[in-house]
Amino acid sequence: MSFDAHRCPNGHLTYPGHERCPDCGRPQTETVDLADETATVVTWTENTATPPGVRRPNSLAIVEFDVEGESVRAIGQVTADADVEIGDEVRPVYAEQLRDPDAGIREPESQSWDGYRFEPV
């Protein structure tokens, strides 16, 4: 599974992708896979009042990737039992299940439950 940021013809990157670049309004036609990149923790928090099916506590981080001189930020869970601080280097790791699809009110088949978490390097 890829972890795609989107690039417009001017080089701007966004995550998640948009039909049009929020900076310049041009169509975003190229993707950049962030799965093999490292990022820096910009900030983080620990959530102890999680929605049904989400582990508790659930640490979340906003991270910034530097791809070919352009930066792009993403938010996601931190791997279980990992401690992160502002400025730490992390890498995305694929998780088959970010939450329990049987918990909550949505039908499990109605959405995908996989994605990426951030792990300290």
N, C-alpha and C. Protein backbone atom coordinates (compact mmCIF):
# COMPACT_ATOMS: atom_id res chain seq x y z
N MET A 1 0.85 -1.18 0.00
CA MET A 1 0.00 0.00 0.00
C MET A 1 0.89 1.24 0.00
N SER A 2 0.51 2.20 -0.78
CA SER A 2 1.29 3.43 -0.84
C SER A 2 0.73 4.47 0.13
N PHE A 3 1.58 5.40 0.47
CA PHE A 3 1.26 6.50 1.38
C PHE A 3 1.50 7.77 0.57
N ASP A 4 0.51 8.15 -0.24
CA ASP A 4 0.71 9.16 -1.28
C ASP A 4 0.41 10.58 -0.86
N ALA A 5 1.41 11.43 -1.10
CA ALA A 5 1.21 12.87 -1.10
C ALA A 5 0.98 13.25 -2.57
N HIS A 6 0.38 14.39 -2.81
CA HIS A 6 0.08 14.82 -4.17
C HIS A 6 0.85 16.09 -4.49
N ARG A 7 1.31 16.16 -5.75
CA ARG A 7 2.13 17.29 -6.19
C ARG A 7 1.45 18.00 -7.36
N CYS A 8 1.47 19.33 -7.31
CA CYS A 8 0.95 20.11 -8.43
C CYS A 8 2.12 20.43 -9.37
N PRO A 9 1.86 20.94 -10.56
CA PRO A 9 2.94 21.26 -11.50
C PRO A 9 3.96 22.26 -10.96
N ASN A 10 3.57 23.09 -9.98
CA ASN A 10 4.52 24.05 -9.39
C ASN A 10 5.42 23.42 -8.33
N GLY A 11 5.18 22.15 -7.99
CA GLY A 11 6.01 21.47 -7.02
C GLY A 11 5.42 21.37 -5.63
N HIS A 12 4.33 22.09 -5.34
CA HIS A 12 3.71 22.02 -4.01
C HIS A 12 3.26 20.60 -3.71
N LEU A 13 3.40 20.19 -2.46
CA LEU A 13 2.95 18.88 -2.01
C LEU A 13 1.84 19.05 -0.99
N THR A 14 0.83 18.17 -1.04
CA THR A 14 -0.21 18.15 -0.02
C THR A 14 -0.50 16.71 0.38
N TYR A 15 -0.88 16.56 1.62
CA TYR A 15 -1.37 15.28 2.12
C TYR A 15 -2.51 15.59 3.08
N PRO A 16 -3.68 15.01 2.90
CA PRO A 16 -4.02 14.16 1.77
C PRO A 16 -4.11 14.99 0.50
N GLY A 17 -4.22 14.29 -0.62
CA GLY A 17 -4.26 14.97 -1.91
C GLY A 17 -5.54 15.75 -2.11
N HIS A 18 -5.49 16.69 -3.00
CA HIS A 18 -6.64 17.51 -3.36
C HIS A 18 -6.76 17.52 -4.88
N GLU A 19 -7.94 17.76 -5.37
CA GLU A 19 -8.11 17.86 -6.82
C GLU A 19 -7.32 19.04 -7.36
N ARG A 20 -7.32 20.13 -6.59
CA ARG A 20 -6.55 21.31 -6.96
C ARG A 20 -5.66 21.71 -5.79
N CYS A 21 -4.48 22.18 -6.11
CA CYS A 21 -3.52 22.60 -5.10
C CYS A 21 -4.10 23.75 -4.27
N PRO A 22 -4.12 23.64 -2.94
CA PRO A 22 -4.63 24.73 -2.12
C PRO A 22 -3.77 25.99 -2.19
N ASP A 23 -2.50 25.87 -2.60
CA ASP A 23 -1.61 27.02 -2.69
C ASP A 23 -1.79 27.80 -3.99
N CYS A 24 -1.84 27.07 -5.11
CA CYS A 24 -1.86 27.78 -6.40
C CYS A 24 -3.10 27.51 -7.24
N GLY A 25 -3.93 26.54 -6.85
CA GLY A 25 -5.17 26.27 -7.57
C GLY A 25 -5.02 25.39 -8.80
N ARG A 26 -3.81 24.98 -9.11
CA ARG A 26 -3.60 24.13 -10.29
C ARG A 26 -3.93 22.68 -9.95
N PRO A 27 -4.31 21.88 -10.95
CA PRO A 27 -4.62 20.47 -10.69
C PRO A 27 -3.39 19.70 -10.18
N GLN A 28 -3.62 18.82 -9.23
CA GLN A 28 -2.55 17.96 -8.73
C GLN A 28 -2.62 16.64 -9.50
N THR A 29 -1.62 16.38 -10.31
CA THR A 29 -1.66 15.22 -11.19
C THR A 29 -0.63 14.17 -10.84
N GLU A 30 0.36 14.49 -10.02
CA GLU A 30 1.44 13.56 -9.69
C GLU A 30 1.32 13.15 -8.22
N THR A 31 1.73 11.92 -7.91
CA THR A 31 1.78 11.47 -6.52
C THR A 31 3.21 11.13 -6.14
N VAL A 32 3.50 11.25 -4.86
CA VAL A 32 4.80 10.91 -4.29
C VAL A 32 4.53 9.98 -3.13
N ASP A 33 5.11 8.78 -3.16
CA ASP A 33 4.90 7.80 -2.09
C ASP A 33 5.81 8.14 -0.91
N LEU A 34 5.21 8.42 0.24
CA LEU A 34 5.96 8.78 1.45
C LEU A 34 6.36 7.56 2.27
N ALA A 35 5.96 6.37 1.87
CA ALA A 35 6.17 5.15 2.67
C ALA A 35 7.64 4.88 2.97
N ASP A 36 8.54 5.26 2.08
CA ASP A 36 9.97 5.00 2.30
C ASP A 36 10.74 6.24 2.77
N GLU A 37 10.02 7.29 3.12
CA GLU A 37 10.65 8.54 3.57
C GLU A 37 10.67 8.58 5.10
N THR A 38 11.50 9.45 5.65
CA THR A 38 11.45 9.73 7.08
C THR A 38 10.90 11.13 7.27
N ALA A 39 10.40 11.39 8.47
CA ALA A 39 9.79 12.68 8.79
C ALA A 39 10.25 13.13 10.17
N THR A 40 10.00 14.38 10.48
CA THR A 40 10.32 14.95 11.79
C THR A 40 9.02 15.25 12.53
N VAL A 41 8.97 14.89 13.80
CA VAL A 41 7.78 15.17 14.62
C VAL A 41 7.70 16.68 14.88
N VAL A 42 6.58 17.27 14.46
CA VAL A 42 6.33 18.70 14.68
C VAL A 42 5.68 18.89 16.04
N THR A 43 4.70 18.04 16.35
CA THR A 43 4.03 18.04 17.65
C THR A 43 3.33 16.70 17.82
N TRP A 44 2.92 16.40 19.01
CA TRP A 44 2.25 15.13 19.29
C TRP A 44 1.34 15.29 20.48
N THR A 45 0.44 14.33 20.66
CA THR A 45 -0.46 14.32 21.81
C THR A 45 -0.83 12.87 22.11
N GLU A 46 -1.30 12.65 23.31
CA GLU A 46 -1.78 11.32 23.69
C GLU A 46 -3.26 11.43 24.03
N ASN A 47 -4.07 10.68 23.31
CA ASN A 47 -5.51 10.69 23.50
C ASN A 47 -5.90 9.51 24.40
N THR A 48 -6.57 9.79 25.50
CA THR A 48 -7.02 8.73 26.40
C THR A 48 -8.53 8.51 26.33
N ALA A 49 -9.24 9.35 25.61
CA ALA A 49 -10.69 9.20 25.41
C ALA A 49 -10.93 8.91 23.94
N THR A 50 -10.61 7.69 23.54
CA THR A 50 -10.65 7.33 22.13
C THR A 50 -12.04 6.85 21.69
N PRO A 51 -12.33 6.95 20.39
CA PRO A 51 -13.60 6.43 19.87
C PRO A 51 -13.63 4.90 19.98
N PRO A 52 -14.80 4.30 19.87
CA PRO A 52 -14.89 2.84 19.92
C PRO A 52 -13.98 2.18 18.88
N GLY A 53 -13.24 1.18 19.33
CA GLY A 53 -12.38 0.43 18.44
C GLY A 53 -10.99 0.97 18.26
N VAL A 54 -10.69 2.15 18.84
CA VAL A 54 -9.35 2.72 18.75
C VAL A 54 -8.63 2.45 20.06
N ARG A 55 -7.39 2.00 19.95
CA ARG A 55 -6.62 1.64 21.16
C ARG A 55 -6.55 2.81 22.13
N ARG A 56 -6.37 2.48 23.39
CA ARG A 56 -6.29 3.50 24.44
C ARG A 56 -5.10 3.19 25.33
N PRO A 57 -4.21 4.10 25.56
CA PRO A 57 -4.13 5.44 24.98
C PRO A 57 -3.68 5.37 23.53
N ASN A 58 -3.94 6.43 22.80
CA ASN A 58 -3.61 6.50 21.38
C ASN A 58 -2.79 7.76 21.14
N SER A 59 -1.49 7.57 20.91
CA SER A 59 -0.63 8.72 20.64
C SER A 59 -0.72 9.09 19.16
N LEU A 60 -0.85 10.39 18.92
CA LEU A 60 -0.93 10.93 17.56
C LEU A 60 0.19 11.94 17.37
N ALA A 61 0.71 12.01 16.14
CA ALA A 61 1.78 12.97 15.85
C ALA A 61 1.49 13.67 14.53
N ILE A 62 1.83 14.95 14.49
CA ILE A 62 1.90 15.67 13.23
C ILE A 62 3.37 15.64 12.85
N VAL A 63 3.64 15.15 11.65
CA VAL A 63 5.03 15.01 11.20
C VAL A 63 5.22 15.79 9.90
N GLU A 64 6.47 16.14 9.63
CA GLU A 64 6.78 16.88 8.41
C GLU A 64 7.83 16.12 7.61
N PHE A 65 7.47 15.82 6.36
CA PHE A 65 8.38 15.18 5.42
C PHE A 65 9.04 16.26 4.58
N ASP A 66 10.30 16.05 4.23
CA ASP A 66 11.01 16.92 3.28
C ASP A 66 11.30 16.07 2.06
N VAL A 67 10.59 16.37 0.96
CA VAL A 67 10.73 15.58 -0.27
C VAL A 67 11.23 16.50 -1.37
N GLU A 68 12.47 16.28 -1.78
CA GLU A 68 13.06 17.05 -2.86
C GLU A 68 12.92 18.55 -2.65
N GLY A 69 13.14 19.00 -1.42
CA GLY A 69 13.10 20.42 -1.10
C GLY A 69 11.72 20.98 -0.80
N GLU A 70 10.68 20.17 -0.92
CA GLU A 70 9.32 20.59 -0.58
C GLU A 70 8.89 19.87 0.70
N SER A 71 8.21 20.58 1.58
CA SER A 71 7.75 19.94 2.81
C SER A 71 6.26 19.66 2.71
N VAL A 72 5.86 18.60 3.41
CA VAL A 72 4.46 18.23 3.49
C VAL A 72 4.24 17.60 4.86
N ARG A 73 3.12 17.95 5.47
CA ARG A 73 2.81 17.44 6.81
C ARG A 73 1.70 16.40 6.75
N ALA A 74 1.75 15.48 7.71
CA ALA A 74 0.71 14.45 7.83
C ALA A 74 0.47 14.22 9.31
N ILE A 75 -0.71 13.71 9.63
CA ILE A 75 -1.05 13.36 11.01
C ILE A 75 -1.36 11.88 11.04
N GLY A 76 -0.97 11.23 12.12
CA GLY A 76 -1.26 9.81 12.24
C GLY A 76 -0.91 9.29 13.61
N GLN A 77 -1.30 8.03 13.83
CA GLN A 77 -1.00 7.37 15.08
C GLN A 77 0.50 7.08 15.17
N VAL A 78 0.99 7.01 16.39
CA VAL A 78 2.35 6.57 16.67
C VAL A 78 2.26 5.09 17.03
N THR A 79 3.27 4.31 16.66
CA THR A 79 3.24 2.88 16.96
C THR A 79 3.10 2.66 18.46
N ALA A 80 2.50 1.54 18.83
CA ALA A 80 2.22 1.22 20.23
C ALA A 80 3.50 1.25 21.05
N ASP A 81 3.39 1.78 22.25
CA ASP A 81 4.49 1.85 23.22
C ASP A 81 5.68 2.68 22.76
N ALA A 82 5.53 3.47 21.72
CA ALA A 82 6.63 4.33 21.26
C ALA A 82 6.50 5.69 21.92
N ASP A 83 7.59 6.20 22.40
CA ASP A 83 7.63 7.55 22.95
C ASP A 83 8.25 8.46 21.90
N VAL A 84 7.59 9.55 21.58
CA VAL A 84 8.15 10.52 20.65
C VAL A 84 8.17 11.88 21.30
N GLU A 85 9.07 12.70 20.83
CA GLU A 85 9.20 14.08 21.28
C GLU A 85 9.31 14.96 20.03
N ILE A 86 9.03 16.23 20.20
CA ILE A 86 9.18 17.18 19.10
C ILE A 86 10.62 17.12 18.60
N GLY A 87 10.78 17.01 17.29
CA GLY A 87 12.11 16.94 16.68
C GLY A 87 12.58 15.53 16.39
N ASP A 88 11.91 14.50 16.93
CA ASP A 88 12.31 13.12 16.67
C ASP A 88 12.10 12.76 15.21
N GLU A 89 12.92 11.87 14.72
CA GLU A 89 12.77 11.35 13.36
C GLU A 89 11.93 10.08 13.42
N VAL A 90 10.96 9.98 12.52
CA VAL A 90 10.06 8.82 12.46
C VAL A 90 9.95 8.34 11.02
N ARG A 91 9.46 7.12 10.88
CA ARG A 91 9.19 6.59 9.55
C ARG A 91 7.80 5.98 9.55
N PRO A 92 7.11 6.00 8.42
CA PRO A 92 5.80 5.37 8.35
C PRO A 92 5.93 3.85 8.32
N VAL A 93 5.07 3.17 9.05
CA VAL A 93 5.01 1.71 9.00
C VAL A 93 3.55 1.31 8.74
N TYR A 94 3.38 0.36 7.83
CA TYR A 94 2.04 -0.05 7.43
C TYR A 94 1.37 -0.85 8.55
N ALA A 95 0.09 -0.60 8.77
CA ALA A 95 -0.72 -1.34 9.75
C ALA A 95 -1.97 -1.84 9.03
N GLU A 96 -2.23 -3.13 9.10
CA GLU A 96 -3.41 -3.70 8.45
C GLU A 96 -4.70 -3.19 9.07
N GLN A 97 -4.62 -2.81 10.36
CA GLN A 97 -5.83 -2.39 11.05
C GLN A 97 -5.49 -1.27 12.03
N LEU A 98 -5.98 -0.06 11.74
CA LEU A 98 -5.76 1.08 12.63
C LEU A 98 -6.80 1.12 13.75
N ARG A 99 -7.92 0.45 13.54
CA ARG A 99 -8.95 0.37 14.57
C ARG A 99 -9.76 -0.90 14.32
N ASP A 100 -10.52 -1.31 15.31
CA ASP A 100 -11.33 -2.52 15.23
C ASP A 100 -12.57 -2.24 14.38
N PRO A 101 -12.70 -2.90 13.21
CA PRO A 101 -13.84 -2.62 12.34
C PRO A 101 -15.17 -3.08 12.91
N ASP A 102 -15.16 -3.95 13.92
CA ASP A 102 -16.41 -4.43 14.52
C ASP A 102 -16.93 -3.50 15.61
N ALA A 103 -16.12 -2.51 16.01
CA ALA A 103 -16.56 -1.55 17.03
C ALA A 103 -17.09 -0.31 16.33
N GLY A 104 -18.06 0.32 16.92
CA GLY A 104 -18.60 1.54 16.35
C GLY A 104 -19.87 1.28 15.55
N ILE A 105 -20.31 2.29 14.83
CA ILE A 105 -21.61 2.21 14.17
C ILE A 105 -21.53 1.96 12.67
N ARG A 106 -20.36 2.01 12.07
CA ARG A 106 -20.23 1.81 10.62
C ARG A 106 -20.10 0.33 10.29
N GLU A 107 -20.62 -0.02 9.13
CA GLU A 107 -20.46 -1.39 8.62
C GLU A 107 -19.00 -1.60 8.27
N PRO A 108 -18.38 -2.71 8.71
CA PRO A 108 -16.96 -2.93 8.42
C PRO A 108 -16.61 -2.84 6.93
N GLU A 109 -17.52 -3.26 6.06
CA GLU A 109 -17.24 -3.24 4.63
C GLU A 109 -17.33 -1.84 4.03
N SER A 110 -17.80 -0.87 4.80
CA SER A 110 -18.05 0.46 4.26
C SER A 110 -16.79 1.30 4.09
N GLN A 111 -15.67 0.88 4.65
CA GLN A 111 -14.45 1.66 4.53
C GLN A 111 -13.24 0.77 4.74
N SER A 112 -12.07 1.31 4.43
CA SER A 112 -10.84 0.56 4.67
C SER A 112 -10.35 0.88 6.08
N TRP A 113 -9.69 -0.07 6.71
CA TRP A 113 -9.27 0.06 8.10
C TRP A 113 -7.76 0.06 8.24
N ASP A 114 -7.05 -0.01 7.11
CA ASP A 114 -5.60 -0.04 7.16
C ASP A 114 -5.04 1.36 6.96
N GLY A 115 -3.72 1.47 7.12
CA GLY A 115 -3.07 2.76 6.93
C GLY A 115 -1.67 2.73 7.50
N TYR A 116 -1.16 3.88 7.85
CA TYR A 116 0.22 4.00 8.35
C TYR A 116 0.24 4.60 9.74
N ARG A 117 1.17 4.11 10.53
CA ARG A 117 1.52 4.69 11.82
C ARG A 117 2.95 5.18 11.73
N PHE A 118 3.35 6.01 12.68
CA PHE A 118 4.71 6.52 12.69
C PHE A 118 5.51 5.86 13.80
N GLU A 119 6.72 5.41 13.43
CA GLU A 119 7.62 4.71 14.35
C GLU A 119 8.92 5.47 14.46
N PRO A 120 9.44 5.64 15.67
CA PRO A 120 10.73 6.32 15.81
C PRO A 120 11.82 5.59 15.06
N VAL A 121 12.73 6.36 14.47
CA VAL A 121 13.86 5.77 13.72
C VAL A 121 14.97 5.46 14.69
